[in-house]
């Protein structure tokens, strides 16, 4: 399979857009923090992810860790900022030589969830959540990865969550909006599933 290159001006515009999104998320988090009320919580979470770029290849394991804020009782808003380490293997043509490339990518993930509590008890919640996600690549084992697959990833995330006392368990699946066109006119996109455990400092 083949990889296509991206133009530098596309990277610059993408970076400008993602900086605006980061600024908007930071402002939103500050606003939520100012609302220190019973329907507000803040916590940390960590877990594993399983991803690949080609549907036929095996999912490979990575890790996630970060912070989350939650505001709302039955219907809630939950922004997160996560560090995400992902591994995957692609079979690509590089300098006219076909080879397997092992990717170790580092992302800052920013999902913005709207959730609904299907079960809402004092010390137990069952939740459904979904929302957009942007992933900003901040490092990779492959030096030309930005020109091959872009600087940012866009898409959505949907999942189920459980709260027990101050602990949380989230299971989610990513729906990627990015498609990376190859020289043979085929398309790649990243598939990812994740599971995480969290702890709320403010319940």
Foldseek 3Di string as FASTA:
>chain_A
DAFAFDDPVVQVVVVVVVVVVVVVVVVVVVVLVVPPDQQKWKWKKKWKKWKEFDPVDGTDIWMKIWMKMWGDAFKIKIKIWMKIWGWYWDFYQDPNDTDIDIKTWIKTKIWIKIKGWPDHDPFKTKMKIKTKMKIATDDMPDPRVCRGFNGMWIWMKIWIKMGGRFKIKIKIWTDTPDWGAGPVRDTIGMTMIIIMMMGIPRD
